[in-house]
Amino acid sequence: MNDILILGGNGQVGWELQRALAPLGNLTICDRQCGNLEDLDGLRALVLAQRPNIIVNAAAYTAVDKAETEIERARRVNSEAVGHLASLARELDAWLLHYSTDYVFDGRGERPFREEDKPAPLNTYGHTKLAGEQAVRESGCRHLIFRTSWVYAARGANFAKTMLRLAADREELRIVSDQIGAPTSAELIADVTAQVLGQLRTHPRPNSLGGIYHLAASGETSWHGYARFVIEEAARLGLPLRTTAERVLQIMTHEYPLPAPRPANSRLDTTHLCSTFGLTLPDWQFHVRRMLVELIGNKAP
């Protein structure tokens, strides 16, 4: 029986991991109160007390714009603490499963990024996440790193919720159309994680499965396309909105400046993940629809 420690258990991905990993072993679920990545001594005490077979790190500093001014805090959580976890995993001969981001790339080019493409982060968040990846790889621990993109869930704040709130108040929205990616649900990330960990348990050479994988929903869209889809689906579900899909207007990134630059191309090539583990990843619309049904529910008249 596996003993699995989940860090960041009350976040978007961590919440779904509680559901998806429950059949795989005994779960210890920690939020910031019991597994604070800014407290390295406390983190060490926690891991050594639990002595898990698998550490799943779903905790991170994810405030992309704020990271430009909170550089040290982002670095401590996204790189220093992750390296600390990797050292502990090696000490215990445990697996470390860690989540990273498309923001390790610069977003140039016209094709989805592959695992072997050279990282070149544009912002502090991307730099600290890349440093975390490197710390894991250099530790020598058994590890899986899943790079993902545009993560959302029904729980917590997300882009779709923001669009629904704005569309209820405004007759027109202006959304960036020159950044391309695949909205990826926490539900999908958690389910893939469970599939992969299940295969580790039965594979004759599990160590051969370790490394970096790209994990994102299939297909692609822009933030503008994502917003239009959300509003179209919400209207179909009967939610009253002032904005229609036709009144979601396109703008360019330079018209909506933010403290942290974003990659224009956030597409991730998931061929390696799918071929290694025999997976089929659904189109991005599939889980967005599920989330909207969950969100809207009885709100529609």
C-alpha atoms as a PDB file:
ATOM      1  CA  MET A   1       0.000   0.000   0.000  1.00  0.00           C
ATOM      2  CA  ASN A   2       1.314   3.442  -0.969  1.00  0.00           C
ATOM      3  CA  ASP A   3       1.550   6.246   1.563  1.00  0.00           C
ATOM      4  CA  ILE A   4       0.998   9.451  -0.384  1.00  0.00           C
ATOM      5  CA  LEU A   5       1.686  12.957   0.922  1.00  0.00           C
ATOM      6  CA  ILE A   6      -0.150  15.723  -0.942  1.00  0.00           C
ATOM      7  CA  LEU A   7       1.118  19.281  -0.455  1.00  0.00           C
ATOM      8  CA  GLY A   8      -1.170  22.132  -1.477  1.00  0.00           C
ATOM      9  CA  GLY A   9      -4.157  19.899  -0.800  1.00  0.00           C
ATOM     10  CA  ASN A  10      -6.721  22.713  -0.715  1.00  0.00           C
ATOM     11  CA  GLY A  11      -5.669  24.359  -3.970  1.00  0.00           C
ATOM     12  CA  GLN A  12      -7.343  23.758  -7.311  1.00  0.00           C
ATOM     13  CA  VAL A  13      -5.203  20.777  -8.298  1.00  0.00           C
ATOM     14  CA  GLY A  14      -4.734  19.547  -4.741  1.00  0.00           C
ATOM     15  CA  TRP A  15      -8.479  19.402  -4.128  1.00  0.00           C
ATOM     16  CA  GLU A  16      -8.975  17.206  -7.197  1.00  0.00           C
ATOM     17  CA  LEU A  17      -5.982  15.066  -6.226  1.00  0.00           C
ATOM     18  CA  GLN A  18      -7.732  14.169  -2.985  1.00  0.00           C
ATOM     19  CA  ARG A  19     -10.488  12.541  -5.028  1.00  0.00           C
ATOM     20  CA  ALA A  20      -8.360  11.005  -7.770  1.00  0.00           C
ATOM     21  CA  LEU A  21      -5.607   9.516  -5.588  1.00  0.00           C
ATOM     22  CA  ALA A  22      -7.813   8.164  -2.786  1.00  0.00           C
ATOM     23  CA  PRO A  23      -8.014   4.654  -4.330  1.00  0.00           C
ATOM     24  CA  LEU A  24      -4.209   4.428  -4.691  1.00  0.00           C
ATOM     25  CA  GLY A  25      -3.129   4.525  -1.062  1.00  0.00           C
ATOM     26  CA  ASN A  26      -3.244   6.182   2.325  1.00  0.00           C
ATOM     27  CA  LEU A  27      -3.389   9.943   1.797  1.00  0.00           C
ATOM     28  CA  THR A  28      -1.952  12.611   4.052  1.00  0.00           C
ATOM     29  CA  ILE A  29      -3.325  15.946   2.860  1.00  0.00           C
ATOM     30  CA  CYS A  30      -1.573  19.150   3.845  1.00  0.00           C
ATOM     31  CA  ASP A  31      -2.491  22.755   3.198  1.00  0.00           C
ATOM     32  CA  ARG A  32      -0.401  25.794   4.119  1.00  0.00           C
ATOM     33  CA  GLN A  33      -1.136  25.240   7.792  1.00  0.00           C
ATOM     34  CA  CYS A  34       0.630  21.877   8.017  1.00  0.00           C
ATOM     35  CA  GLY A  35       2.815  21.930   4.908  1.00  0.00           C
ATOM     36  CA  ASN A  36       4.020  25.483   4.373  1.00  0.00           C
ATOM     37  CA  LEU A  37       6.682  25.586   1.653  1.00  0.00           C
ATOM     38  CA  GLU A  38       8.073  28.786   3.182  1.00  0.00           C
ATOM     39  CA  ASP A  39       9.006  26.860   6.346  1.00  0.00           C
ATOM     40  CA  LEU A  40      11.776  24.499   5.267  1.00  0.00           C
ATOM     41  CA  ASP A  41      12.403  23.125   8.760  1.00  0.00           C
ATOM     42  CA  GLY A  42       8.707  22.399   9.213  1.00  0.00           C
ATOM     43  CA  LEU A  43       8.589  20.802   5.779  1.00  0.00           C
ATOM     44  CA  ARG A  44      11.455  18.476   6.663  1.00  0.00           C
ATOM     45  CA  ALA A  45       9.838  17.511   9.951  1.00  0.00           C
ATOM     46  CA  LEU A  46       6.551  16.763   8.189  1.00  0.00           C
ATOM     47  CA  VAL A  47       8.075  14.577   5.482  1.00  0.00           C
ATOM     48  CA  LEU A  48      10.295  12.631   7.862  1.00  0.00           C
ATOM     49  CA  ALA A  49       7.394  12.057  10.258  1.00  0.00           C
ATOM     50  CA  GLN A  50       5.133  10.756   7.458  1.00  0.00           C
ATOM     51  CA  ARG A  51       7.828   8.891   5.487  1.00  0.00           C
ATOM     52  CA  PRO A  52       5.644   8.668   2.344  1.00  0.00           C
ATOM     53  CA  ASN A  53       6.369   6.494  -0.668  1.00  0.00           C
ATOM     54  CA  ILE A  54       5.109   9.289  -2.919  1.00  0.00           C
ATOM     55  CA  ILE A  55       5.240  13.069  -2.409  1.00  0.00           C
ATOM     56  CA  VAL A  56       2.870  15.030  -4.660  1.00  0.00           C
ATOM     57  CA  ASN A  57       3.663  18.734  -4.656  1.00  0.00           C
ATOM     58  CA  ALA A  58       0.620  20.707  -5.768  1.00  0.00           C
ATOM     59  CA  ALA A  59       1.704  23.784  -3.796  1.00  0.00           C
ATOM     60  CA  ALA A  60       3.307  26.778  -5.499  1.00  0.00           C
ATOM     61  CA  TYR A  61       3.581  30.541  -5.571  1.00  0.00           C
ATOM     62  CA  THR A  62       1.268  31.304  -8.514  1.00  0.00           C
ATOM     63  CA  ALA A  63       0.657  35.079  -8.319  1.00  0.00           C
ATOM     64  CA  VAL A  64       2.369  35.747 -11.642  1.00  0.00           C
ATOM     65  CA  ASP A  65       2.234  39.548 -11.571  1.00  0.00           C
ATOM     66  CA  LYS A  66       2.910  39.905  -7.860  1.00  0.00           C
ATOM     67  CA  ALA A  67       6.003  37.725  -8.274  1.00  0.00           C
ATOM     68  CA  GLU A  68       7.659  40.606 -10.120  1.00  0.00           C
ATOM     69  CA  THR A  69       7.902  42.450  -6.791  1.00  0.00           C
ATOM     70  CA  GLU A  70       7.903  39.445  -4.419  1.00  0.00           C
ATOM     71  CA  ILE A  71      10.867  37.805  -6.090  1.00  0.00           C
ATOM     72  CA  GLU A  72      12.395  36.303  -2.967  1.00  0.00           C
ATOM     73  CA  ARG A  73       9.131  34.763  -1.786  1.00  0.00           C
ATOM     74  CA  ALA A  74       8.431  33.258  -5.216  1.00  0.00           C
ATOM     75  CA  ARG A  75      11.963  31.875  -5.358  1.00  0.00           C
ATOM     76  CA  ARG A  76      11.716  30.367  -1.881  1.00  0.00           C
ATOM     77  CA  VAL A  77       8.450  28.535  -2.622  1.00  0.00           C
ATOM     78  CA  ASN A  78       8.928  27.578  -6.279  1.00  0.00           C
ATOM     79  CA  SER A  79      12.599  26.640  -6.270  1.00  0.00           C
ATOM     80  CA  GLU A  80      14.255  26.436  -2.843  1.00  0.00           C
ATOM     81  CA  ALA A  81      11.433  24.486  -1.165  1.00  0.00           C
ATOM     82  CA  VAL A  82      11.058  22.233  -4.202  1.00  0.00           C
ATOM     83  CA  GLY A  83      14.767  21.400  -4.096  1.00  0.00           C
ATOM     84  CA  HIS A  84      14.376  20.680  -0.379  1.00  0.00           C
ATOM     85  CA  LEU A  85      11.506  18.274  -1.124  1.00  0.00           C
ATOM     86  CA  ALA A  86      13.586  16.564  -3.795  1.00  0.00           C
ATOM     87  CA  SER A  87      16.440  16.003  -1.336  1.00  0.00           C
ATOM     88  CA  LEU A  88      14.000  14.526   1.172  1.00  0.00           C
ATOM     89  CA  ALA A  89      12.516  12.270  -1.507  1.00  0.00           C
ATOM     90  CA  ARG A  90      15.978  10.978  -2.335  1.00  0.00           C
ATOM     91  CA  GLU A  91      16.719  10.434   1.351  1.00  0.00           C
ATOM     92  CA  LEU A  92      13.562   8.330   1.695  1.00  0.00           C
ATOM     93  CA  ASP A  93      13.834   6.699  -1.756  1.00  0.00           C
ATOM     94  CA  ALA A  94      10.369   8.124  -2.436  1.00  0.00           C
ATOM     95  CA  TRP A  95       8.901   9.411  -5.686  1.00  0.00           C
ATOM     96  CA  LEU A  96       8.405  13.158  -6.035  1.00  0.00           C
ATOM     97  CA  LEU A  97       5.653  14.289  -8.408  1.00  0.00           C
ATOM     98  CA  HIS A  98       5.896  18.014  -9.082  1.00  0.00           C
ATOM     99  CA  TYR A  99       3.855  20.377 -11.278  1.00  0.00           C
ATOM    100  CA  SER A 100       5.461  23.023 -13.466  1.00  0.00           C
ATOM    101  CA  THR A 101       4.285  25.382 -16.185  1.00  0.00           C
ATOM    102  CA  ASP A 102       4.374  26.466 -19.820  1.00  0.00           C
ATOM    103  CA  TYR A 103       5.847  29.723 -18.495  1.00  0.00           C
ATOM    104  CA  VAL A 104       9.304  28.111 -18.504  1.00  0.00           C
ATOM    105  CA  PHE A 105       9.237  28.840 -22.279  1.00  0.00           C
ATOM    106  CA  ASP A 106       9.411  32.192 -24.076  1.00  0.00           C
ATOM    107  CA  GLY A 107       6.346  31.521 -26.239  1.00  0.00           C
ATOM    108  CA  ARG A 108       8.127  31.968 -29.554  1.00  0.00           C
ATOM    109  CA  GLY A 109       7.512  29.762 -32.564  1.00  0.00           C
ATOM    110  CA  GLU A 110       4.450  28.337 -34.257  1.00  0.00           C
ATOM    111  CA  ARG A 111       4.380  24.772 -32.873  1.00  0.00           C
ATOM    112  CA  PRO A 112       3.624  23.319 -29.446  1.00  0.00           C
ATOM    113  CA  PHE A 113       6.634  23.078 -27.153  1.00  0.00           C
ATOM    114  CA  ARG A 114       8.221  19.669 -26.580  1.00  0.00           C
ATOM    115  CA  GLU A 115       9.918  18.514 -23.394  1.00  0.00           C
ATOM    116  CA  GLU A 116      13.379  18.803 -24.953  1.00  0.00           C
ATOM    117  CA  ASP A 117      12.923  22.411 -26.148  1.00  0.00           C
ATOM    118  CA  LYS A 118      15.192  24.915 -24.453  1.00  0.00           C
ATOM    119  CA  PRO A 119      13.457  26.866 -21.653  1.00  0.00           C
ATOM    120  CA  ALA A 120      13.663  30.661 -21.705  1.00  0.00           C
ATOM    121  CA  PRO A 121      11.261  32.213 -19.150  1.00  0.00           C
ATOM    122  CA  LEU A 122       9.930  35.719 -19.691  1.00  0.00           C
ATOM    123  CA  ASN A 123       9.006  36.524 -16.096  1.00  0.00           C
ATOM    124  CA  THR A 124       9.960  35.894 -12.471  1.00  0.00           C
ATOM    125  CA  TYR A 125       7.332  33.209 -11.977  1.00  0.00           C
ATOM    126  CA  GLY A 126       8.680  31.263 -14.966  1.00  0.00           C
ATOM    127  CA  HIS A 127      12.269  31.642 -13.777  1.00  0.00           C
ATOM    128  CA  THR A 128      11.457  30.329 -10.296  1.00  0.00           C
ATOM    129  CA  LYS A 129       9.451  27.395 -11.659  1.00  0.00           C
ATOM    130  CA  LEU A 130      12.319  26.475 -13.990  1.00  0.00           C
ATOM    131  CA  ALA A 131      14.738  26.644 -11.065  1.00  0.00           C
ATOM    132  CA  GLY A 132      12.456  24.247  -9.186  1.00  0.00           C
ATOM    133  CA  GLU A 133      12.525  21.808 -12.102  1.00  0.00           C
ATOM    134  CA  GLN A 134      16.303  21.959 -12.223  1.00  0.00           C
ATOM    135  CA  ALA A 135      16.585  21.371  -8.484  1.00  0.00           C
ATOM    136  CA  VAL A 136      14.462  18.235  -8.769  1.00  0.00           C
ATOM    137  CA  ARG A 137      16.464  16.858 -11.669  1.00  0.00           C
ATOM    138  CA  GLU A 138      19.801  17.598 -10.017  1.00  0.00           C
ATOM    139  CA  SER A 139      18.787  15.974  -6.719  1.00  0.00           C
ATOM    140  CA  GLY A 140      18.877  12.482  -8.167  1.00  0.00           C
ATOM    141  CA  CYS A 141      15.500  11.583  -6.647  1.00  0.00           C
ATOM    142  CA  ARG A 142      12.948   9.496  -8.497  1.00  0.00           C
ATOM    143  CA  HIS A 143      10.657  12.094  -9.981  1.00  0.00           C
ATOM    144  CA  LEU A 144       7.901  13.055 -12.384  1.00  0.00           C
ATOM    145  CA  ILE A 145       7.500  16.672 -13.470  1.00  0.00           C
ATOM    146  CA  PHE A 146       4.268  17.634 -15.230  1.00  0.00           C
ATOM    147  CA  ARG A 147       4.335  20.932 -17.094  1.00  0.00           C
ATOM    148  CA  THR A 148       0.811  22.192 -17.625  1.00  0.00           C
ATOM    149  CA  SER A 149      -0.938  25.371 -18.761  1.00  0.00           C
ATOM    150  CA  TRP A 150      -3.946  27.646 -18.204  1.00  0.00           C
ATOM    151  CA  VAL A 151      -5.115  25.652 -15.186  1.00  0.00           C
ATOM    152  CA  TYR A 152      -8.661  26.137 -13.904  1.00  0.00           C
ATOM    153  CA  ALA A 153     -11.256  24.468 -11.669  1.00  0.00           C
ATOM    154  CA  ALA A 154     -14.746  25.092 -10.388  1.00  0.00           C
ATOM    155  CA  ARG A 155     -13.105  25.673  -7.006  1.00  0.00           C
ATOM    156  CA  GLY A 156     -11.333  28.987  -6.493  1.00  0.00           C
ATOM    157  CA  ALA A 157     -10.775  31.895  -8.860  1.00  0.00           C
ATOM    158  CA  ASN A 158     -10.344  31.328 -12.584  1.00  0.00           C
ATOM    159  CA  PHE A 159     -10.655  33.028 -15.963  1.00  0.00           C
ATOM    160  CA  ALA A 160     -14.084  31.543 -16.776  1.00  0.00           C
ATOM    161  CA  LYS A 161     -15.569  32.783 -13.495  1.00  0.00           C
ATOM    162  CA  THR A 162     -14.156  36.228 -14.158  1.00  0.00           C
ATOM    163  CA  MET A 163     -15.706  36.258 -17.639  1.00  0.00           C
ATOM    164  CA  LEU A 164     -19.124  35.261 -16.266  1.00  0.00           C
ATOM    165  CA  ARG A 165     -18.951  37.992 -13.612  1.00  0.00           C
ATOM    166  CA  LEU A 166     -17.951  40.668 -16.122  1.00  0.00           C
ATOM    167  CA  ALA A 167     -20.494  39.487 -18.705  1.00  0.00           C
ATOM    168  CA  ALA A 168     -23.266  39.837 -16.138  1.00  0.00           C
ATOM    169  CA  ASP A 169     -22.404  43.533 -15.646  1.00  0.00           C
ATOM    170  CA  ARG A 170     -21.117  44.741 -19.011  1.00  0.00           C
ATOM    171  CA  GLU A 171     -22.441  44.802 -22.551  1.00  0.00           C
ATOM    172  CA  GLU A 172     -19.003  44.393 -24.121  1.00  0.00           C
ATOM    173  CA  LEU A 173     -15.723  42.667 -23.209  1.00  0.00           C
ATOM    174  CA  ARG A 174     -12.261  43.195 -24.706  1.00  0.00           C
ATOM    175  CA  ILE A 175     -10.089  40.075 -24.440  1.00  0.00           C
ATOM    176  CA  VAL A 176      -6.557  39.286 -25.634  1.00  0.00           C
ATOM    177  CA  SER A 177      -6.497  37.190 -28.812  1.00  0.00           C
ATOM    178  CA  ASP A 178      -2.770  36.840 -29.567  1.00  0.00           C
ATOM    179  CA  GLN A 179      -1.900  34.427 -26.737  1.00  0.00           C
ATOM    180  CA  ILE A 180      -2.615  30.780 -27.616  1.00  0.00           C
ATOM    181  CA  GLY A 181      -2.872  27.770 -25.323  1.00  0.00           C
ATOM    182  CA  ALA A 182      -5.144  25.033 -24.009  1.00  0.00           C
ATOM    183  CA  PRO A 183      -7.288  25.586 -20.903  1.00  0.00           C
ATOM    184  CA  THR A 184      -6.514  22.555 -18.712  1.00  0.00           C
ATOM    185  CA  SER A 185      -8.739  21.516 -15.832  1.00  0.00           C
ATOM    186  CA  ALA A 186      -7.480  20.517 -12.419  1.00  0.00           C
ATOM    187  CA  GLU A 187      -9.804  17.528 -12.758  1.00  0.00           C
ATOM    188  CA  LEU A 188      -7.918  16.311 -15.837  1.00  0.00           C
ATOM    189  CA  ILE A 189      -4.525  16.936 -14.208  1.00  0.00           C
ATOM    190  CA  ALA A 190      -5.546  14.924 -11.143  1.00  0.00           C
ATOM    191  CA  ASP A 191      -6.984  12.055 -13.200  1.00  0.00           C
ATOM    192  CA  VAL A 192      -3.836  11.802 -15.327  1.00  0.00           C
ATOM    193  CA  THR A 193      -1.740  11.896 -12.163  1.00  0.00           C
ATOM    194  CA  ALA A 194      -3.708   8.947 -10.787  1.00  0.00           C
ATOM    195  CA  GLN A 195      -3.301   7.016 -14.051  1.00  0.00           C
ATOM    196  CA  VAL A 196       0.456   7.582 -14.057  1.00  0.00           C
ATOM    197  CA  LEU A 197       0.964   6.687 -10.397  1.00  0.00           C
ATOM    198  CA  GLY A 198      -1.105   3.556 -10.899  1.00  0.00           C
ATOM    199  CA  GLN A 199       1.196   2.506 -13.730  1.00  0.00           C
ATOM    200  CA  LEU A 200       4.291   3.164 -11.629  1.00  0.00           C
ATOM    201  CA  ARG A 201       2.987   0.585  -9.156  1.00  0.00           C
ATOM    202  CA  THR A 202       2.657  -2.171 -11.756  1.00  0.00           C
ATOM    203  CA  HIS A 203       5.469  -1.381 -14.210  1.00  0.00           C
ATOM    204  CA  PRO A 204       8.411  -3.833 -14.148  1.00  0.00           C
ATOM    205  CA  ARG A 205      10.894  -0.938 -14.369  1.00  0.00           C
ATOM    206  CA  PRO A 206       9.119   2.076 -12.832  1.00  0.00           C
ATOM    207  CA  ASN A 207      12.278   4.188 -12.694  1.00  0.00           C
ATOM    208  CA  SER A 208      12.333   4.187 -16.507  1.00  0.00           C
ATOM    209  CA  LEU A 209       9.109   6.232 -16.465  1.00  0.00           C
ATOM    210  CA  GLY A 210      10.580   9.162 -14.556  1.00  0.00           C
ATOM    211  CA  GLY A 211      11.259  12.572 -16.075  1.00  0.00           C
ATOM    212  CA  ILE A 212       9.454  15.609 -17.500  1.00  0.00           C
ATOM    213  CA  TYR A 213       6.122  15.354 -19.301  1.00  0.00           C
ATOM    214  CA  HIS A 214       3.787  17.933 -20.831  1.00  0.00           C
ATOM    215  CA  LEU A 215       0.204  17.635 -19.610  1.00  0.00           C
ATOM    216  CA  ALA A 216      -2.480  19.805 -21.189  1.00  0.00           C
ATOM    217  CA  ALA A 217      -5.872  19.345 -22.763  1.00  0.00           C
ATOM    218  CA  SER A 218      -6.020  18.725 -26.512  1.00  0.00           C
ATOM    219  CA  GLY A 219      -6.646  21.486 -28.999  1.00  0.00           C
ATOM    220  CA  GLU A 220      -5.902  25.171 -28.677  1.00  0.00           C
ATOM    221  CA  THR A 221      -7.580  28.536 -28.353  1.00  0.00           C
ATOM    222  CA  SER A 222      -6.844  32.136 -27.431  1.00  0.00           C
ATOM    223  CA  TRP A 223      -8.061  33.900 -24.306  1.00  0.00           C
ATOM    224  CA  HIS A 224     -10.570  35.586 -26.603  1.00  0.00           C
ATOM    225  CA  GLY A 225     -11.762  32.239 -27.970  1.00  0.00           C
ATOM    226  CA  TYR A 226     -11.948  30.842 -24.451  1.00  0.00           C
ATOM    227  CA  ALA A 227     -14.081  33.792 -23.296  1.00  0.00           C
ATOM    228  CA  ARG A 228     -16.467  33.465 -26.259  1.00  0.00           C
ATOM    229  CA  PHE A 229     -16.888  29.751 -25.600  1.00  0.00           C
ATOM    230  CA  VAL A 230     -17.613  30.319 -21.895  1.00  0.00           C
ATOM    231  CA  ILE A 231     -20.262  32.955 -22.643  1.00  0.00           C
ATOM    232  CA  GLU A 232     -21.869  30.879 -25.421  1.00  0.00           C
ATOM    233  CA  GLU A 233     -22.090  27.826 -23.154  1.00  0.00           C
ATOM    234  CA  ALA A 234     -23.367  29.831 -20.190  1.00  0.00           C
ATOM    235  CA  ALA A 235     -26.117  31.331 -22.364  1.00  0.00           C
ATOM    236  CA  ARG A 236     -27.012  27.860 -23.642  1.00  0.00           C
ATOM    237  CA  LEU A 237     -27.322  26.717 -20.017  1.00  0.00           C
ATOM    238  CA  GLY A 238     -29.758  29.570 -19.384  1.00  0.00           C
ATOM    239  CA  LEU A 239     -27.585  31.964 -17.380  1.00  0.00           C
ATOM    240  CA  PRO A 240     -28.738  35.570 -17.991  1.00  0.00           C
ATOM    241  CA  LEU A 241     -25.832  37.723 -19.208  1.00  0.00           C
ATOM    242  CA  ARG A 242     -25.616  41.242 -20.623  1.00  0.00           C
ATOM    243  CA  THR A 243     -22.712  40.346 -22.906  1.00  0.00           C
ATOM    244  CA  THR A 244     -23.237  38.052 -25.877  1.00  0.00           C
ATOM    245  CA  ALA A 245     -20.444  36.088 -27.548  1.00  0.00           C
ATOM    246  CA  GLU A 246     -20.567  38.524 -30.474  1.00  0.00           C
ATOM    247  CA  ARG A 247     -19.757  41.383 -28.106  1.00  0.00           C
ATOM    248  CA  VAL A 248     -16.515  39.792 -26.938  1.00  0.00           C
ATOM    249  CA  LEU A 249     -14.004  41.872 -28.886  1.00  0.00           C
ATOM    250  CA  GLN A 250     -10.406  41.028 -29.753  1.00  0.00           C
ATOM    251  CA  ILE A 251      -7.466  43.064 -28.488  1.00  0.00           C
ATOM    252  CA  MET A 252      -3.705  42.545 -28.638  1.00  0.00           C
ATOM    253  CA  THR A 253      -1.442  41.884 -25.661  1.00  0.00           C
ATOM    254  CA  HIS A 254       0.105  45.363 -25.853  1.00  0.00           C
ATOM    255  CA  GLU A 255      -3.367  46.858 -25.328  1.00  0.00           C
ATOM    256  CA  TYR A 256      -3.663  45.135 -21.943  1.00  0.00           C
ATOM    257  CA  PRO A 257      -0.252  45.561 -20.286  1.00  0.00           C
ATOM    258  CA  LEU A 258       0.532  43.561 -17.142  1.00  0.00           C
ATOM    259  CA  PRO A 259       3.567  43.633 -14.820  1.00  0.00           C
ATOM    260  CA  ALA A 260       4.703  40.151 -15.932  1.00  0.00           C
ATOM    261  CA  PRO A 261       5.033  39.442 -19.665  1.00  0.00           C
ATOM    262  CA  ARG A 262       3.196  36.335 -20.896  1.00  0.00           C
ATOM    263  CA  PRO A 263       4.262  33.898 -23.621  1.00  0.00           C
ATOM    264  CA  ALA A 264       2.304  34.277 -26.871  1.00  0.00           C
ATOM    265  CA  ASN A 265       2.526  30.540 -27.545  1.00  0.00           C
ATOM    266  CA  SER A 266       1.626  28.422 -24.507  1.00  0.00           C
ATOM    267  CA  ARG A 267       0.895  25.243 -26.442  1.00  0.00           C
ATOM    268  CA  LEU A 268       2.454  22.060 -25.053  1.00  0.00           C
ATOM    269  CA  ASP A 269       3.090  18.910 -27.098  1.00  0.00           C
ATOM    270  CA  THR A 270       1.707  15.989 -25.048  1.00  0.00           C
ATOM    271  CA  THR A 271       2.866  13.193 -27.375  1.00  0.00           C
ATOM    272  CA  HIS A 272       5.472  11.884 -24.910  1.00  0.00           C
ATOM    273  CA  LEU A 273       2.955  11.624 -22.052  1.00  0.00           C
ATOM    274  CA  CYS A 274       0.263   9.969 -24.176  1.00  0.00           C
ATOM    275  CA  SER A 275       2.591   7.449 -25.821  1.00  0.00           C
ATOM    276  CA  THR A 276       4.399   6.510 -22.607  1.00  0.00           C
ATOM    277  CA  PHE A 277       1.278   5.942 -20.531  1.00  0.00           C
ATOM    278  CA  GLY A 278      -1.275   5.065 -23.228  1.00  0.00           C
ATOM    279  CA  LEU A 279      -3.459   8.106 -22.556  1.00  0.00           C
ATOM    280  CA  THR A 280      -5.938  10.089 -24.626  1.00  0.00           C
ATOM    281  CA  LEU A 281      -6.400  13.683 -23.536  1.00  0.00           C
ATOM    282  CA  PRO A 282      -9.821  15.250 -24.268  1.00  0.00           C
ATOM    283  CA  ASP A 283     -10.348  18.515 -26.114  1.00  0.00           C
ATOM    284  CA  TRP A 284     -10.166  21.563 -23.869  1.00  0.00           C
ATOM    285  CA  GLN A 285     -13.897  22.259 -24.316  1.00  0.00           C
ATOM    286  CA  PHE A 286     -14.896  18.992 -22.604  1.00  0.00           C
ATOM    287  CA  HIS A 287     -13.921  19.930 -19.058  1.00  0.00           C
ATOM    288  CA  VAL A 288     -14.852  23.599 -19.505  1.00  0.00           C
ATOM    289  CA  ARG A 289     -18.417  22.463 -20.235  1.00  0.00           C
ATOM    290  CA  ARG A 290     -18.394  20.237 -17.142  1.00  0.00           C
ATOM    291  CA  MET A 291     -17.144  23.121 -15.001  1.00  0.00           C
ATOM    292  CA  LEU A 292     -19.825  25.478 -16.305  1.00  0.00           C
ATOM    293  CA  VAL A 293     -22.588  22.981 -15.561  1.00  0.00           C
ATOM    294  CA  GLU A 294     -21.205  22.673 -12.035  1.00  0.00           C
ATOM    295  CA  LEU A 295     -20.871  26.451 -11.623  1.00  0.00           C
ATOM    296  CA  ILE A 296     -24.202  27.472 -13.099  1.00  0.00           C
ATOM    297  CA  GLY A 297     -26.346  24.625 -11.763  1.00  0.00           C
ATOM    298  CA  ASN A 298     -29.400  26.166 -10.135  1.00  0.00           C
ATOM    299  CA  LYS A 299     -28.360  29.743 -10.962  1.00  0.00           C
ATOM    300  CA  ALA A 300     -30.150  29.624 -14.308  1.00  0.00           C
ATOM    301  CA  PRO A 301     -33.835  30.493 -14.166  1.00  0.00           C
END
